[in-house]
C-alpha cells in the first residue's frame, strides 16, 4: 500500500507528493467514468499514461528518501565534532559552570580514547569560560554526544556566596559534526575576516604574531574563531570548516524540528535555547528533562563518568 504521508513529511519530496496525489485523484475520476463501455475505451490510454507517471514519481521520491537516509547514517558515523560551551545567565558562576562542563566532556573523551584540540577559549575575568570550543576526534564521538546540545542548568551554593544562598546558573552546549564534504558553499563576499594575536597558552609565537582568526558570516550573523593553529591560513581554513558545519547544523535542526516524527528525532532537533538538564548539587542529583530521568552522584559525573546518561538516550 502506498504511504503518501512519508513523502509529504520530507521537504524535498513535498512538491512531488502533491503531484502524485493529483494523479491519484485524476486516475480515480477516470476509472469512475470507465464504467461506461464507450468511455472505458477512451480512458484506457490516459490511465496507462497516469500509471507510468505515478511509477516514475514514486521511484524519484524513493531515491531522494534513500539519499536522505544515507546522509543521516553518515552523520551518525561522524568521528569528528566541534564542542562549544558558552556561559549563560548567572554571571561568574555561569562561567565556572561552562568550564566545568568543558572539563567533564574532555575527561569523557579521554576515557573513550578520543583526541581533544582546543580551538578557542575566552576566559572570564575571575575564572571560567565566557565561551570555548574544542575539536574532538574519535570513533563514535558524534553518535555518543549528539544529544548534549542545549542549555544545562546548575543549582548550588557558589564558593563566593557568604550567606549560603542557592544560585541558579546556566551554560549552553552545542555539538557540531564535522564532515569531509559540506553541502554549503560559502560566498567569500558574505564573510568578514579579522586577524588578531592568539594570546593564551601556546608560547611566544601565538602572542606576538596575528595568527588568530575570527570569521563572521554576514547573512546568518554566525561568528567563528580559531586560535588552534600556528598560521593565519591554517586557522582560517579551520574556521571555515567549523562555519560550514554550523550552517549545515542550523539547516538540519530547522528541518528536523519541522518534520520530527518521533520523540528521538524531536530530541535530536533541540537547539541551544532549550533547557535539557539540571545539575542540583544540594540534592546530589542530575535530571534530564527530555526523558524525565535522574541520577545521583554529581561529582562522579563531573569527572567525566557520563556514560549512564549517554546510554539512556540509546534506549529511546
Foldseek 3Di string as FASTA:
>chain_A
DDDLVVQCLAPVRNVLSVVLVVLVVVLVVQVVVVVDVVSVVVCVVVNVVSVVSNVVSVVVSVVVVVVVVVVVVVQQFQFKKKKKKAWDPDPPVSQQVSQLVVLLQVLLLVVQVKDKFWFAFDADPVGGGNMTMIMIGDTRPCNLCLLQFAKEKEWAQDPPHPVRDIDITIMGMHIFGFDPDFPDDADPVQKDKDWAQRDDDDDDQSRPDRQKIWIARNVVRDIFIGSRDRHNVVRVVVRVRVVSRVVRLVVVLVSLCSNVPDLLSVSSSDHHHHHAWYCYVVVQKIAGPSVGDIDHDVVVSSSNPCVVVSVVSVVD
